[in-house]
Amino acid sequence: NVRFKPLPENVENFRELVKDFTDASRAEEGNIFFEWSRSLE
């Protein structure tokens, strides 16, 4: 579990910014899940 605090100008488009990283991680042989959520608090 990892918590990220992007720069203020990157908060809204953060998932787009990490798309390549996300796709590469999900493609790893041992990956079961790799899911992003925005904090409610």
Full PDB file with SEQRES, HELIX, SHEET, SSBOND, CRYST1, ORIGX, SCALE, CONECT and MASTER records, all heavy atoms in Angstrom:
SEQRES   1 A   41  ASN VAL ARG PHE LYS PRO LEU PRO GLU ASN VAL GLU ASN          
SEQRES   2 A   41  PHE ARG GLU LEU VAL LYS ASP PHE THR ASP ALA SER ARG          
SEQRES   3 A   41  ALA GLU GLU GLY ASN ILE PHE PHE GLU TRP SER ARG SER          
SEQRES   4 A   41  LEU GLU                                                      
HELIX    1 AA1 PRO A    8  ASN A   10  5                                   3    
HELIX    2 AA2 PHE A   14  LEU A   17  1                                   4    
HELIX    3 AA3 LYS A   19  ARG A   26  1                                   8    
CRYST1    1.000    1.000    1.000  90.00  90.00  90.00 P 1           1          
ORIGX1      1.000000  0.000000  0.000000        0.00000                         
ORIGX2      0.000000  1.000000  0.000000        0.00000                         
ORIGX3      0.000000  0.000000  1.000000        0.00000                         
SCALE1      1.000000  0.000000  0.000000        0.00000                         
SCALE2      0.000000  1.000000  0.000000        0.00000                         
SCALE3      0.000000  0.000000  1.000000        0.00000                         
ATOM      1  N   ASN A   1       0.856  -1.187   0.000  1.00  0.00           N  
ATOM      2  CA  ASN A   1       0.000   0.000   0.000  1.00  0.00           C  
ATOM      3  C   ASN A   1       0.887   1.229   0.000  1.00  0.00           C  
ATOM      4  O   ASN A   1       1.810   1.325   0.806  1.00  0.00           O  
ATOM      5  CB  ASN A   1      -0.892   0.030   1.250  1.00  0.00           C  
ATOM      6  CG  ASN A   1      -1.839  -1.140   1.280  1.00  0.00           C  
ATOM      7  OD1 ASN A   1      -2.706  -1.253   0.450  1.00  0.00           O  
ATOM      8  ND2 ASN A   1      -1.643  -2.017   2.247  1.00  0.00           N  
ATOM      9  N   VAL A   2       0.583   2.158  -0.906  1.00  0.00           N  
ATOM     10  CA  VAL A   2       1.396   3.364  -1.027  1.00  0.00           C  
ATOM     11  C   VAL A   2       0.467   4.569  -1.121  1.00  0.00           C  
ATOM     12  O   VAL A   2      -0.537   4.535  -1.836  1.00  0.00           O  
ATOM     13  CB  VAL A   2       2.283   3.304  -2.291  1.00  0.00           C  
ATOM     14  CG1 VAL A   2       3.209   4.499  -2.353  1.00  0.00           C  
ATOM     15  CG2 VAL A   2       3.071   2.008  -2.350  1.00  0.00           C  
ATOM     16  N   ARG A   3       0.835   5.632  -0.413  1.00  0.00           N  
ATOM     17  CA  ARG A   3       0.082   6.887  -0.467  1.00  0.00           C  
ATOM     18  C   ARG A   3       0.909   7.902  -1.235  1.00  0.00           C  
ATOM     19  O   ARG A   3       2.090   8.090  -0.952  1.00  0.00           O  
ATOM     20  CB  ARG A   3      -0.210   7.376   0.937  1.00  0.00           C  
ATOM     21  CG  ARG A   3      -1.091   6.408   1.703  1.00  0.00           C  
ATOM     22  CD  ARG A   3      -1.149   6.746   3.151  1.00  0.00           C  
ATOM     23  NE  ARG A   3      -1.937   7.945   3.328  1.00  0.00           N  
ATOM     24  CZ  ARG A   3      -2.611   8.237   4.423  1.00  0.00           C  
ATOM     25  NH1 ARG A   3      -2.586   7.398   5.436  1.00  0.00           N  
ATOM     26  NH2 ARG A   3      -3.295   9.340   4.515  1.00  0.00           N  
ATOM     27  N   PHE A   4       0.295   8.544  -2.233  1.00  0.00           N  
ATOM     28  CA  PHE A   4       0.967   9.541  -3.060  1.00  0.00           C  
ATOM     29  C   PHE A   4       0.299  10.894  -2.885  1.00  0.00           C  
ATOM     30  O   PHE A   4      -0.922  10.986  -2.904  1.00  0.00           O  
ATOM     31  CB  PHE A   4       0.854   9.171  -4.548  1.00  0.00           C  
ATOM     32  CG  PHE A   4       1.711   8.016  -4.958  1.00  0.00           C  
ATOM     33  CD1 PHE A   4       1.236   6.717  -4.850  1.00  0.00           C  
ATOM     34  CD2 PHE A   4       2.971   8.228  -5.466  1.00  0.00           C  
ATOM     35  CE1 PHE A   4       2.019   5.644  -5.246  1.00  0.00           C  
ATOM     36  CE2 PHE A   4       3.763   7.161  -5.862  1.00  0.00           C  
ATOM     37  CZ  PHE A   4       3.284   5.874  -5.748  1.00  0.00           C  
ATOM     38  N   LYS A   5       1.112  11.929  -2.742  1.00  0.00           N  
ATOM     39  CA  LYS A   5       0.625  13.304  -2.738  1.00  0.00           C  
ATOM     40  C   LYS A   5       1.270  14.016  -3.922  1.00  0.00           C  
ATOM     41  O   LYS A   5       2.378  14.534  -3.816  1.00  0.00           O  
ATOM     42  CB  LYS A   5       0.975  14.011  -1.434  1.00  0.00           C  
ATOM     43  CG  LYS A   5       0.047  13.680  -0.313  1.00  0.00           C  
ATOM     44  CD  LYS A   5       0.153  14.705   0.774  1.00  0.00           C  
ATOM     45  CE  LYS A   5      -1.190  14.752   1.443  1.00  0.00           C  
ATOM     46  NZ  LYS A   5      -1.500  16.008   2.015  1.00  0.00           N  
ATOM     47  N   PRO A   6       0.597  14.013  -5.072  1.00  0.00           N  
ATOM     48  CA  PRO A   6       1.163  14.680  -6.237  1.00  0.00           C  
ATOM     49  C   PRO A   6       1.259  16.190  -6.021  1.00  0.00           C  
ATOM     50  O   PRO A   6       0.602  16.746  -5.127  1.00  0.00           O  
ATOM     51  CB  PRO A   6       0.162  14.388  -7.348  1.00  0.00           C  
ATOM     52  CG  PRO A   6      -0.769  13.361  -6.822  1.00  0.00           C  
ATOM     53  CD  PRO A   6      -0.687  13.416  -5.337  1.00  0.00           C  
ATOM     54  N   LEU A   7       2.048  16.831  -6.843  1.00  0.00           N  
ATOM     55  CA  LEU A   7       2.078  18.286  -6.837  1.00  0.00           C  
ATOM     56  C   LEU A   7       0.665  18.787  -7.112  1.00  0.00           C  
ATOM     57  O   LEU A   7      -0.105  18.135  -7.827  1.00  0.00           O  
ATOM     58  CB  LEU A   7       3.024  18.802  -7.919  1.00  0.00           C  
ATOM     59  CG  LEU A   7       4.498  18.460  -7.736  1.00  0.00           C  
ATOM     60  CD1 LEU A   7       5.293  18.852  -8.980  1.00  0.00           C  
ATOM     61  CD2 LEU A   7       5.054  19.158  -6.504  1.00  0.00           C  
ATOM     62  N   PRO A   8       0.289  19.924  -6.554  1.00  0.00           N  
ATOM     63  CA  PRO A   8      -1.087  20.416  -6.713  1.00  0.00           C  
ATOM     64  C   PRO A   8      -1.564  20.449  -8.164  1.00  0.00           C  
ATOM     65  O   PRO A   8      -2.716  20.115  -8.448  1.00  0.00           O  
ATOM     66  CB  PRO A   8      -1.039  21.822  -6.107  1.00  0.00           C  
ATOM     67  CG  PRO A   8       0.068  21.745  -5.102  1.00  0.00           C  
ATOM     68  CD  PRO A   8       1.085  20.819  -5.701  1.00  0.00           C  
ATOM     69  N   GLU A   9      -0.692  20.811  -9.073  1.00  0.00           N  
ATOM     70  CA  GLU A   9      -1.094  20.901 -10.480  1.00  0.00           C  
ATOM     71  C   GLU A   9      -1.269  19.526 -11.143  1.00  0.00           C  
ATOM     72  O   GLU A   9      -1.776  19.433 -12.262  1.00  0.00           O  
ATOM     73  CB  GLU A   9      -0.098  21.744 -11.288  1.00  0.00           C  
ATOM     74  CG  GLU A   9       1.298  21.181 -11.337  1.00  0.00           C  
ATOM     75  CD  GLU A   9       2.226  21.669 -10.237  1.00  0.00           C  
ATOM     76  OE1 GLU A   9       1.756  22.129  -9.175  1.00  0.00           O  
ATOM     77  OE2 GLU A   9       3.448  21.577 -10.442  1.00  0.00           O  
ATOM     78  N   ASN A  10      -0.884  18.448 -10.449  1.00  0.00           N  
ATOM     79  CA  ASN A  10      -0.990  17.099 -11.008  1.00  0.00           C  
ATOM     80  C   ASN A  10      -2.048  16.225 -10.345  1.00  0.00           C  
ATOM     81  O   ASN A  10      -2.211  15.064 -10.723  1.00  0.00           O  
ATOM     82  CB  ASN A  10       0.363  16.384 -10.921  1.00  0.00           C  
ATOM     83  CG  ASN A  10       1.403  17.039 -11.783  1.00  0.00           C  
ATOM     84  OD1 ASN A  10       1.101  17.612 -12.824  1.00  0.00           O  
ATOM     85  ND2 ASN A  10       2.649  16.970 -11.364  1.00  0.00           N  
ATOM     86  N   VAL A  11      -2.769  16.753  -9.380  1.00  0.00           N  
ATOM     87  CA  VAL A  11      -3.738  15.936  -8.643  1.00  0.00           C  
ATOM     88  C   VAL A  11      -4.853  15.422  -9.547  1.00  0.00           C  
ATOM     89  O   VAL A  11      -5.184  14.240  -9.536  1.00  0.00           O  
ATOM     90  CB  VAL A  11      -4.334  16.722  -7.448  1.00  0.00           C  
ATOM     91  CG1 VAL A  11      -5.492  15.970  -6.812  1.00  0.00           C  
ATOM     92  CG2 VAL A  11      -3.262  17.002  -6.415  1.00  0.00           C  
ATOM     93  N   GLU A  12      -5.424  16.286 -10.359  1.00  0.00           N  
ATOM     94  CA  GLU A  12      -6.572  15.893 -11.179  1.00  0.00           C  
ATOM     95  C   GLU A  12      -6.200  14.957 -12.321  1.00  0.00           C  
ATOM     96  O   GLU A  12      -6.994  14.117 -12.711  1.00  0.00           O  
ATOM     97  CB  GLU A  12      -7.292  17.129 -11.722  1.00  0.00           C  
ATOM     98  CG  GLU A  12      -7.918  17.991 -10.639  1.00  0.00           C  
ATOM     99  CD  GLU A  12      -8.923  17.227  -9.776  1.00  0.00           C  
ATOM    100  OE1 GLU A  12      -9.667  16.383 -10.306  1.00  0.00           O  
ATOM    101  OE2 GLU A  12      -8.953  17.468  -8.552  1.00  0.00           O  
ATOM    102  N   ASN A  13      -4.999  15.079 -12.872  1.00  0.00           N  
ATOM    103  CA  ASN A  13      -4.598  14.241 -13.999  1.00  0.00           C  
ATOM    104  C   ASN A  13      -3.568  13.187 -13.582  1.00  0.00           C  
ATOM    105  O   ASN A  13      -2.884  12.611 -14.425  1.00  0.00           O  
ATOM    106  CB  ASN A  13      -4.054  15.088 -15.142  1.00  0.00           C  
ATOM    107  CG  ASN A  13      -2.759  15.794 -14.802  1.00  0.00           C  
ATOM    108  OD1 ASN A  13      -2.489  16.093 -13.648  1.00  0.00           O  
ATOM    109  ND2 ASN A  13      -1.962  16.073 -15.807  1.00  0.00           N  
ATOM    110  N   PHE A  14      -3.497  12.889 -12.290  1.00  0.00           N  
ATOM    111  CA  PHE A  14      -2.487  11.970 -11.763  1.00  0.00           C  
ATOM    112  C   PHE A  14      -2.554  10.592 -12.420  1.00  0.00           C  
ATOM    113  O   PHE A  14      -1.540  10.023 -12.795  1.00  0.00           O  
ATOM    114  CB  PHE A  14      -2.625  11.854 -10.241  1.00  0.00           C  
ATOM    115  CG  PHE A  14      -1.569  11.003  -9.613  1.00  0.00           C  
ATOM    116  CD1 PHE A  14      -0.258  11.420  -9.564  1.00  0.00           C  
ATOM    117  CD2 PHE A  14      -1.891   9.767  -9.068  1.00  0.00           C  
ATOM    118  CE1 PHE A  14       0.736  10.634  -8.988  1.00  0.00           C  
ATOM    119  CE2 PHE A  14      -0.915   8.975  -8.486  1.00  0.00           C  
ATOM    120  CZ  PHE A  14       0.397   9.416  -8.447  1.00  0.00           C  
ATOM    121  N   ARG A  15      -3.751  10.050 -12.589  1.00  0.00           N  
ATOM    122  CA  ARG A  15      -3.864   8.700 -13.189  1.00  0.00           C  
ATOM    123  C   ARG A  15      -3.322   8.683 -14.610  1.00  0.00           C  
ATOM    124  O   ARG A  15      -2.736   7.695 -15.027  1.00  0.00           O  
ATOM    125  CB  ARG A  15      -5.298   8.220 -13.140  1.00  0.00           C  
ATOM    126  CG  ARG A  15      -5.680   7.916 -11.685  1.00  0.00           C  
ATOM    127  CD  ARG A  15      -6.878   7.097 -11.533  1.00  0.00           C  
ATOM    128  NE  ARG A  15      -6.795   5.873 -12.303  1.00  0.00           N  
ATOM    129  CZ  ARG A  15      -7.771   4.989 -12.353  1.00  0.00           C  
ATOM    130  NH1 ARG A  15      -8.875   5.191 -11.690  1.00  0.00           N  
ATOM    131  NH2 ARG A  15      -7.656   3.900 -13.059  1.00  0.00           N  
ATOM    132  N   GLU A  16      -3.502   9.754 -15.350  1.00  0.00           N  
ATOM    133  CA  GLU A  16      -2.921   9.838 -16.695  1.00  0.00           C  
ATOM    134  C   GLU A  16      -1.396   9.856 -16.609  1.00  0.00           C  
ATOM    135  O   GLU A  16      -0.719   9.232 -17.433  1.00  0.00           O  
ATOM    136  CB  GLU A  16      -3.406  11.091 -17.408  1.00  0.00           C  
ATOM    137  CG  GLU A  16      -4.879  11.106 -17.715  1.00  0.00           C  
ATOM    138  CD  GLU A  16      -5.355  12.466 -18.187  1.00  0.00           C  
ATOM    139  OE1 GLU A  16      -4.560  13.190 -18.814  1.00  0.00           O  
ATOM    140  OE2 GLU A  16      -6.514  12.795 -17.920  1.00  0.00           O  
ATOM    141  N   LEU A  17      -0.865  10.558 -15.622  1.00  0.00           N  
ATOM    142  CA  LEU A  17       0.579  10.681 -15.476  1.00  0.00           C  
ATOM    143  C   LEU A  17       1.241   9.354 -15.098  1.00  0.00           C  
ATOM    144  O   LEU A  17       2.402   9.128 -15.427  1.00  0.00           O  
ATOM    145  CB  LEU A  17       0.918  11.739 -14.424  1.00  0.00           C  
ATOM    146  CG  LEU A  17       0.519  13.165 -14.773  1.00  0.00           C  
ATOM    147  CD1 LEU A  17       0.737  14.087 -13.576  1.00  0.00           C  
ATOM    148  CD2 LEU A  17       1.284  13.666 -15.986  1.00  0.00           C  
ATOM    149  N   VAL A  18       0.522   8.483 -14.409  1.00  0.00           N  
ATOM    150  CA  VAL A  18       1.094   7.199 -13.977  1.00  0.00           C  
ATOM    151  C   VAL A  18       0.605   6.020 -14.828  1.00  0.00           C  
ATOM    152  O   VAL A  18       0.835   4.865 -14.477  1.00  0.00           O  
ATOM    153  CB  VAL A  18       0.813   6.936 -12.471  1.00  0.00           C  
ATOM    154  CG1 VAL A  18       1.479   7.990 -11.610  1.00  0.00           C  
ATOM    155  CG2 VAL A  18      -0.679   6.861 -12.188  1.00  0.00           C  
ATOM    156  N   LYS A  19      -0.032   6.313 -15.950  1.00  0.00           N  
ATOM    157  CA  LYS A  19      -0.594   5.252 -16.790  1.00  0.00           C  
ATOM    158  C   LYS A  19       0.470   4.263 -17.274  1.00  0.00           C  
ATOM    159  O   LYS A  19       0.263   3.046 -17.185  1.00  0.00           O  
ATOM    160  CB  LYS A  19      -1.332   5.836 -17.979  1.00  0.00           C  
ATOM    161  CG  LYS A  19      -2.008   4.759 -18.830  1.00  0.00           C  
ATOM    162  CD  LYS A  19      -2.756   5.344 -19.990  1.00  0.00           C  
ATOM    163  CE  LYS A  19      -3.461   4.332 -20.844  1.00  0.00           C  
ATOM    164  NZ  LYS A  19      -3.011   2.971 -20.851  1.00  0.00           N  
ATOM    165  N   ASP A  20       1.596   4.724 -17.779  1.00  0.00           N  
ATOM    166  CA  ASP A  20       2.628   3.811 -18.277  1.00  0.00           C  
ATOM    167  C   ASP A  20       3.161   2.921 -17.154  1.00  0.00           C  
ATOM    168  O   ASP A  20       3.339   1.713 -17.325  1.00  0.00           O  
ATOM    169  CB  ASP A  20       3.778   4.578 -18.924  1.00  0.00           C  
ATOM    170  CG  ASP A  20       3.377   5.221 -20.240  1.00  0.00           C  
ATOM    171  OD1 ASP A  20       2.342   4.832 -20.824  1.00  0.00           O  
ATOM    172  OD2 ASP A  20       4.104   6.132 -20.696  1.00  0.00           O  
ATOM    173  N   PHE A  21       3.402   3.518 -15.992  1.00  0.00           N  
ATOM    174  CA  PHE A  21       3.858   2.770 -14.815  1.00  0.00           C  
ATOM    175  C   PHE A  21       2.810   1.733 -14.406  1.00  0.00           C  
ATOM    176  O   PHE A  21       3.126   0.576 -14.119  1.00  0.00           O  
ATOM    177  CB  PHE A  21       4.134   3.770 -13.690  1.00  0.00           C  
ATOM    178  CG  PHE A  21       4.272   3.175 -12.324  1.00  0.00           C  
ATOM    179  CD1 PHE A  21       5.325   2.332 -12.019  1.00  0.00           C  
ATOM    180  CD2 PHE A  21       3.356   3.475 -11.329  1.00  0.00           C  
ATOM    181  CE1 PHE A  21       5.462   1.793 -10.741  1.00  0.00           C  
ATOM    182  CE2 PHE A  21       3.492   2.948 -10.053  1.00  0.00           C  
ATOM    183  CZ  PHE A  21       4.545   2.104  -9.770  1.00  0.00           C  
ATOM    184  N   THR A  22       1.553   2.141 -14.396  1.00  0.00           N  
ATOM    185  CA  THR A  22       0.458   1.249 -14.019  1.00  0.00           C  
ATOM    186  C   THR A  22       0.358   0.078 -14.995  1.00  0.00           C  
ATOM    187  O   THR A  22       0.278  -1.091 -14.584  1.00  0.00           O  
ATOM    188  CB  THR A  22      -0.868   2.026 -13.972  1.00  0.00           C  
ATOM    189  OG1 THR A  22      -0.754   3.068 -12.985  1.00  0.00           O  
ATOM    190  CG2 THR A  22      -2.037   1.132 -13.633  1.00  0.00           C  
ATOM    191  N   ASP A  23       0.356   0.379 -16.287  1.00  0.00           N  
ATOM    192  CA  ASP A  23       0.245  -0.671 -17.301  1.00  0.00           C  
ATOM    193  C   ASP A  23       1.414  -1.649 -17.217  1.00  0.00           C  
ATOM    194  O   ASP A  23       1.224  -2.863 -17.305  1.00  0.00           O  
ATOM    195  CB  ASP A  23       0.180  -0.058 -18.702  1.00  0.00           C  
ATOM    196  CG  ASP A  23      -1.111   0.710 -18.946  1.00  0.00           C  
ATOM    197  OD1 ASP A  23      -2.077   0.555 -18.169  1.00  0.00           O  
ATOM    198  OD2 ASP A  23      -1.148   1.477 -19.927  1.00  0.00           O  
ATOM    199  N   ALA A  24       2.626  -1.130 -17.047  1.00  0.00           N  
ATOM    200  CA  ALA A  24       3.810  -1.997 -16.951  1.00  0.00           C  
ATOM    201  C   ALA A  24       3.735  -2.877 -15.709  1.00  0.00           C  
ATOM    202  O   ALA A  24       4.064  -4.069 -15.757  1.00  0.00           O  
ATOM    203  CB  ALA A  24       5.078  -1.150 -16.937  1.00  0.00           C  
ATOM    204  N   SER A  25       3.297  -2.328 -14.604  1.00  0.00           N  
ATOM    205  CA  SER A  25       3.192  -3.105 -13.365  1.00  0.00           C  
ATOM    206  C   SER A  25       2.126  -4.187 -13.466  1.00  0.00           C  
ATOM    207  O   SER A  25       2.328  -5.322 -13.024  1.00  0.00           O  
ATOM    208  CB  SER A  25       2.892  -2.181 -12.185  1.00  0.00           C  
ATOM    209  OG  SER A  25       3.952  -1.271 -12.001  1.00  0.00           O  
ATOM    210  N   ARG A  26       0.992  -3.851 -14.059  1.00  0.00           N  
ATOM    211  CA  ARG A  26      -0.086  -4.837 -14.226  1.00  0.00           C  
ATOM    212  C   ARG A  26       0.329  -5.974 -15.156  1.00  0.00           C  
ATOM    213  O   ARG A  26      -0.198  -7.080 -15.040  1.00  0.00           O  
ATOM    214  CB  ARG A  26      -1.339  -4.154 -14.763  1.00  0.00           C  
ATOM    215  CG  ARG A  26      -2.036  -3.308 -13.720  1.00  0.00           C  
ATOM    216  CD  ARG A  26      -3.230  -2.608 -14.284  1.00  0.00           C  
ATOM    217  NE  ARG A  26      -3.948  -1.889 -13.238  1.00  0.00           N  
ATOM    218  CZ  ARG A  26      -4.870  -0.970 -13.469  1.00  0.00           C  
ATOM    219  NH1 ARG A  26      -5.202  -0.660 -14.716  1.00  0.00           N  
ATOM    220  NH2 ARG A  26      -5.461  -0.363 -12.465  1.00  0.00           N  
ATOM    221  N   ALA A  27       1.253  -5.707 -16.058  1.00  0.00           N  
ATOM    222  CA  ALA A  27       1.702  -6.726 -17.018  1.00  0.00           C  
ATOM    223  C   ALA A  27       2.755  -7.673 -16.433  1.00  0.00           C  
ATOM    224  O   ALA A  27       3.085  -8.679 -17.055  1.00  0.00           O  
ATOM    225  CB  ALA A  27       2.263  -6.044 -18.265  1.00  0.00           C  
ATOM    226  N   GLU A  28       3.269  -7.369 -15.250  1.00  0.00           N  
ATOM    227  CA  GLU A  28       4.280  -8.226 -14.638  1.00  0.00           C  
ATOM    228  C   GLU A  28       3.691  -9.603 -14.334  1.00  0.00           C  
ATOM    229  O   GLU A  28       2.533  -9.718 -13.921  1.00  0.00           O  
ATOM    230  CB  GLU A  28       4.805  -7.585 -13.350  1.00  0.00           C  
ATOM    231  CG  GLU A  28       5.601  -6.325 -13.608  1.00  0.00           C  
ATOM    232  CD  GLU A  28       6.031  -5.637 -12.330  1.00  0.00           C  
ATOM    233  OE1 GLU A  28       5.903  -6.232 -11.244  1.00  0.00           O  
ATOM    234  OE2 GLU A  28       6.483  -4.491 -12.422  1.00  0.00           O  
ATOM    235  N   GLU A  29       4.493 -10.623 -14.522  1.00  0.00           N  
ATOM    236  CA  GLU A  29       4.036 -12.004 -14.379  1.00  0.00           C  
ATOM    237  C   GLU A  29       3.396 -12.284 -13.017  1.00  0.00           C  
ATOM    238  O   GLU A  29       2.379 -12.959 -12.925  1.00  0.00           O  
ATOM    239  CB  GLU A  29       5.209 -12.955 -14.601  1.00  0.00           C  
ATOM    240  CG  GLU A  29       4.811 -14.401 -14.534  1.00  0.00           C  
ATOM    241  CD  GLU A  29       5.980 -15.334 -14.781  1.00  0.00           C  
ATOM    242  OE1 GLU A  29       6.909 -14.945 -15.504  1.00  0.00           O  
ATOM    243  OE2 GLU A  29       5.950 -16.444 -14.241  1.00  0.00           O  
ATOM    244  N   GLY A  30       3.962 -11.783 -11.949  1.00  0.00           N  
ATOM    245  CA  GLY A  30       3.462 -12.089 -10.614  1.00  0.00           C  
ATOM    246  C   GLY A  30       2.415 -11.132 -10.077  1.00  0.00           C  
ATOM    247  O   GLY A  30       1.970 -11.255  -8.940  1.00  0.00           O  
ATOM    248  N   ASN A  31       1.972 -10.179 -10.905  1.00  0.00           N  
ATOM    249  CA  ASN A  31       0.996  -9.201 -10.444  1.00  0.00           C  
ATOM    250  C   ASN A  31      -0.389  -9.821 -10.348  1.00  0.00           C  
ATOM    251  O   ASN A  31      -0.843 -10.508 -11.255  1.00  0.00           O  
ATOM    252  CB  ASN A  31       0.963  -7.999 -11.392  1.00  0.00           C  
ATOM    253  CG  ASN A  31      -0.038  -6.957 -10.944  1.00  0.00           C  
ATOM    254  OD1 ASN A  31      -1.163  -6.944 -11.409  1.00  0.00           O  
ATOM    255  ND2 ASN A  31       0.376  -6.120 -10.038  1.00  0.00           N  
ATOM    256  N   ILE A  32      -1.073  -9.592  -9.233  1.00  0.00           N  
ATOM    257  CA  ILE A  32      -2.453 -10.044  -9.036  1.00  0.00           C  
ATOM    258  C   ILE A  32      -3.405  -8.872  -9.236  1.00  0.00           C  
ATOM    259  O   ILE A  32      -4.426  -8.981  -9.896  1.00  0.00           O  
ATOM    260  CB  ILE A  32      -2.636 -10.668  -7.638  1.00  0.00           C  
ATOM    261  CG1 ILE A  32      -1.715 -11.877  -7.491  1.00  0.00           C  
ATOM    262  CG2 ILE A  32      -4.094 -11.052  -7.409  1.00  0.00           C  
ATOM    263  CD1 ILE A  32      -1.635 -12.409  -6.077  1.00  0.00           C  
ATOM    264  N   PHE A  33      -3.076  -7.729  -8.634  1.00  0.00           N  
ATOM    265  CA  PHE A  33      -3.862  -6.508  -8.834  1.00  0.00           C  
ATOM    266  C   PHE A  33      -2.987  -5.295  -8.574  1.00  0.00           C  
ATOM    267  O   PHE A  33      -1.970  -5.371  -7.885  1.00  0.00           O  
ATOM    268  CB  PHE A  33      -5.126  -6.483  -7.972  1.00  0.00           C  
ATOM    269  CG  PHE A  33      -4.877  -6.656  -6.494  1.00  0.00           C  
ATOM    270  CD1 PHE A  33      -4.551  -5.581  -5.696  1.00  0.00           C  
ATOM    271  CD2 PHE A  33      -4.979  -7.907  -5.908  1.00  0.00           C  
ATOM    272  CE1 PHE A  33      -4.318  -5.743  -4.334  1.00  0.00           C  
ATOM    273  CE2 PHE A  33      -4.754  -8.087  -4.555  1.00  0.00           C  
ATOM    274  CZ  PHE A  33      -4.424  -6.993  -3.766  1.00  0.00           C  
ATOM    275  N   PHE A  34      -3.394  -4.167  -9.140  1.00  0.00           N  
ATOM    276  CA  PHE A  34      -2.653  -2.917  -9.042  1.00  0.00           C  
ATOM    277  C   PHE A  34      -3.693  -1.822  -9.225  1.00  0.00           C  
ATOM    278  O   PHE A  34      -4.077  -1.484 -10.348  1.00  0.00           O  
ATOM    279  CB  PHE A  34      -1.595  -2.878 -10.161  1.00  0.00           C  
ATOM    280  CG  PHE A  34      -0.537  -1.841  -9.984  1.00  0.00           C  
ATOM    281  CD1 PHE A  34       0.630  -2.142  -9.300  1.00  0.00           C  
ATOM    282  CD2 PHE A  34      -0.692  -0.577 -10.517  1.00  0.00           C  
ATOM    283  CE1 PHE A  34       1.631  -1.188  -9.150  1.00  0.00           C  
ATOM    284  CE2 PHE A  34       0.296   0.375 -10.377  1.00  0.00           C  
ATOM    285  CZ  PHE A  34       1.458   0.069  -9.696  1.00  0.00           C  
ATOM    286  N   GLU A  35      -4.231  -1.309  -8.124  1.00  0.00           N  
ATOM    287  CA  GLU A  35      -5.403  -0.439  -8.172  1.00  0.00           C  
ATOM    288  C   GLU A  35      -5.170   0.916  -7.497  1.00  0.00           C  
ATOM    289  O   GLU A  35      -4.656   0.979  -6.382  1.00  0.00           O  
ATOM    290  CB  GLU A  35      -6.590  -1.125  -7.498  1.00  0.00           C  
ATOM    291  CG  GLU A  35      -6.996  -2.432  -8.133  1.00  0.00           C  
ATOM    292  CD  GLU A  35      -7.510  -2.277  -9.551  1.00  0.00           C  
ATOM    293  OE1 GLU A  35      -8.100  -1.221  -9.875  1.00  0.00           O  
ATOM    294  OE2 GLU A  35      -7.318  -3.208 -10.344  1.00  0.00           O  
ATOM    295  N   TRP A  36      -5.560   1.970  -8.186  1.00  0.00           N  
ATOM    296  CA  TRP A  36      -5.486   3.330  -7.659  1.00  0.00           C  
ATOM    297  C   TRP A  36      -6.846   3.750  -7.119  1.00  0.00           C  
ATOM    298  O   TRP A  36      -7.875   3.438  -7.705  1.00  0.00           O  
ATOM    299  CB  TRP A  36      -5.122   4.313  -8.770  1.00  0.00           C  
ATOM    300  CG  TRP A  36      -3.736   4.176  -9.275  1.00  0.00           C  
ATOM    301  CD1 TRP A  36      -3.330   3.538 -10.420  1.00  0.00           C  
ATOM    302  CD2 TRP A  36      -2.557   4.695  -8.673  1.00  0.00           C  
ATOM    303  NE1 TRP A  36      -1.975   3.634 -10.561  1.00  0.00           N  
ATOM    304  CE2 TRP A  36      -1.471   4.342  -9.500  1.00  0.00           C  
ATOM    305  CE3 TRP A  36      -2.303   5.416  -7.515  1.00  0.00           C  
ATOM    306  CZ2 TRP A  36      -0.167   4.691  -9.208  1.00  0.00           C  
ATOM    307  CZ3 TRP A  36      -1.010   5.767  -7.221  1.00  0.00           C  
ATOM    308  CH2 TRP A  36       0.045   5.409  -8.057  1.00  0.00           C  
ATOM    309  N   SER A  37      -6.835   4.505  -6.023  1.00  0.00           N  
ATOM    310  CA  SER A  37      -8.037   5.123  -5.469  1.00  0.00           C  
ATOM    311  C   SER A  37      -7.684   6.511  -4.983  1.00  0.00           C  
ATOM    312  O   SER A  37      -6.566   6.748  -4.513  1.00  0.00           O  
ATOM    313  CB  SER A  37      -8.585   4.319  -4.285  1.00  0.00           C  
ATOM    314  OG  SER A  37      -8.952   3.033  -4.691  1.00  0.00           O  
ATOM    315  N   ARG A  38      -8.633   7.382  -5.065  1.00  0.00           N  
ATOM    316  CA  ARG A  38      -8.425   8.721  -4.527  1.00  0.00           C  
ATOM    317  C   ARG A  38      -8.935   8.739  -3.092  1.00  0.00           C  
ATOM    318  O   ARG A  38     -10.020   8.224  -2.798  1.00  0.00           O  
ATOM    319  CB  ARG A  38      -9.174   9.750  -5.359  1.00  0.00           C  
ATOM    320  CG  ARG A  38      -8.729  11.152  -5.062  1.00  0.00           C  
ATOM    321  CD  ARG A  38      -9.056  12.042  -6.211  1.00  0.00           C  
ATOM    322  NE  ARG A  38      -8.626  13.392  -5.927  1.00  0.00           N  
ATOM    323  CZ  ARG A  38      -8.902  14.413  -6.692  1.00  0.00           C  
ATOM    324  NH1 ARG A  38      -9.613  14.234  -7.786  1.00  0.00           N  
ATOM    325  NH2 ARG A  38      -8.483  15.607  -6.378  1.00  0.00           N  
ATOM    326  N   SER A  39      -8.148   9.308  -2.205  1.00  0.00           N  
ATOM    327  CA  SER A  39      -8.524   9.363  -0.807  1.00  0.00           C  
ATOM    328  C   SER A  39      -9.821  10.156  -0.622  1.00  0.00           C  
ATOM    329  O   SER A  39     -10.002  11.217  -1.228  1.00  0.00           O  
ATOM    330  CB  SER A  39      -7.400  10.027   0.004  1.00  0.00           C  
ATOM    331  OG  SER A  39      -7.814  10.246   1.329  1.00  0.00           O  
ATOM    332  N   LEU A  40     -10.706   9.647   0.203  1.00  0.00           N  
ATOM    333  CA  LEU A  40     -11.944  10.361   0.506  1.00  0.00           C  
ATOM    334  C   LEU A  40     -11.714  11.472   1.516  1.00  0.00           C  
ATOM    335  O   LEU A  40     -12.408  12.483   1.509  1.00  0.00           O  
ATOM    336  CB  LEU A  40     -12.994   9.382   1.043  1.00  0.00           C  
ATOM    337  CG  LEU A  40     -13.454   8.309   0.066  1.00  0.00           C  
ATOM    338  CD1 LEU A  40     -14.390   7.329   0.766  1.00  0.00           C  
ATOM    339  CD2 LEU A  40     -14.118   8.925  -1.147  1.00  0.00           C  
ATOM    340  N   GLU A  41     -10.741  11.291   2.397  1.00  0.00           N  
ATOM    341  CA  GLU A  41     -10.465  12.281   3.434  1.00  0.00           C  
ATOM    342  C   GLU A  41      -9.537  13.395   2.960  1.00  0.00           C  
ATOM    343  O   GLU A  41      -9.661  14.532   3.379  1.00  0.00           O  
ATOM    344  CB  GLU A  41      -9.847  11.624   4.675  1.00  0.00           C  
ATOM    345  CG  GLU A  41     -10.810  10.805   5.490  1.00  0.00           C  
ATOM    346  CD  GLU A  41     -10.882   9.363   5.014  1.00  0.00           C  
ATOM    347  OE1 GLU A  41      -9.895   8.879   4.438  1.00  0.00           O  
ATOM    348  OE2 GLU A  41     -11.934   8.734   5.205  1.00  0.00           O  
TER     349      GLU A  41                                                      
MASTER        0    0    0    3    0    0    0    6  348    1    0    4          
END                                                                             
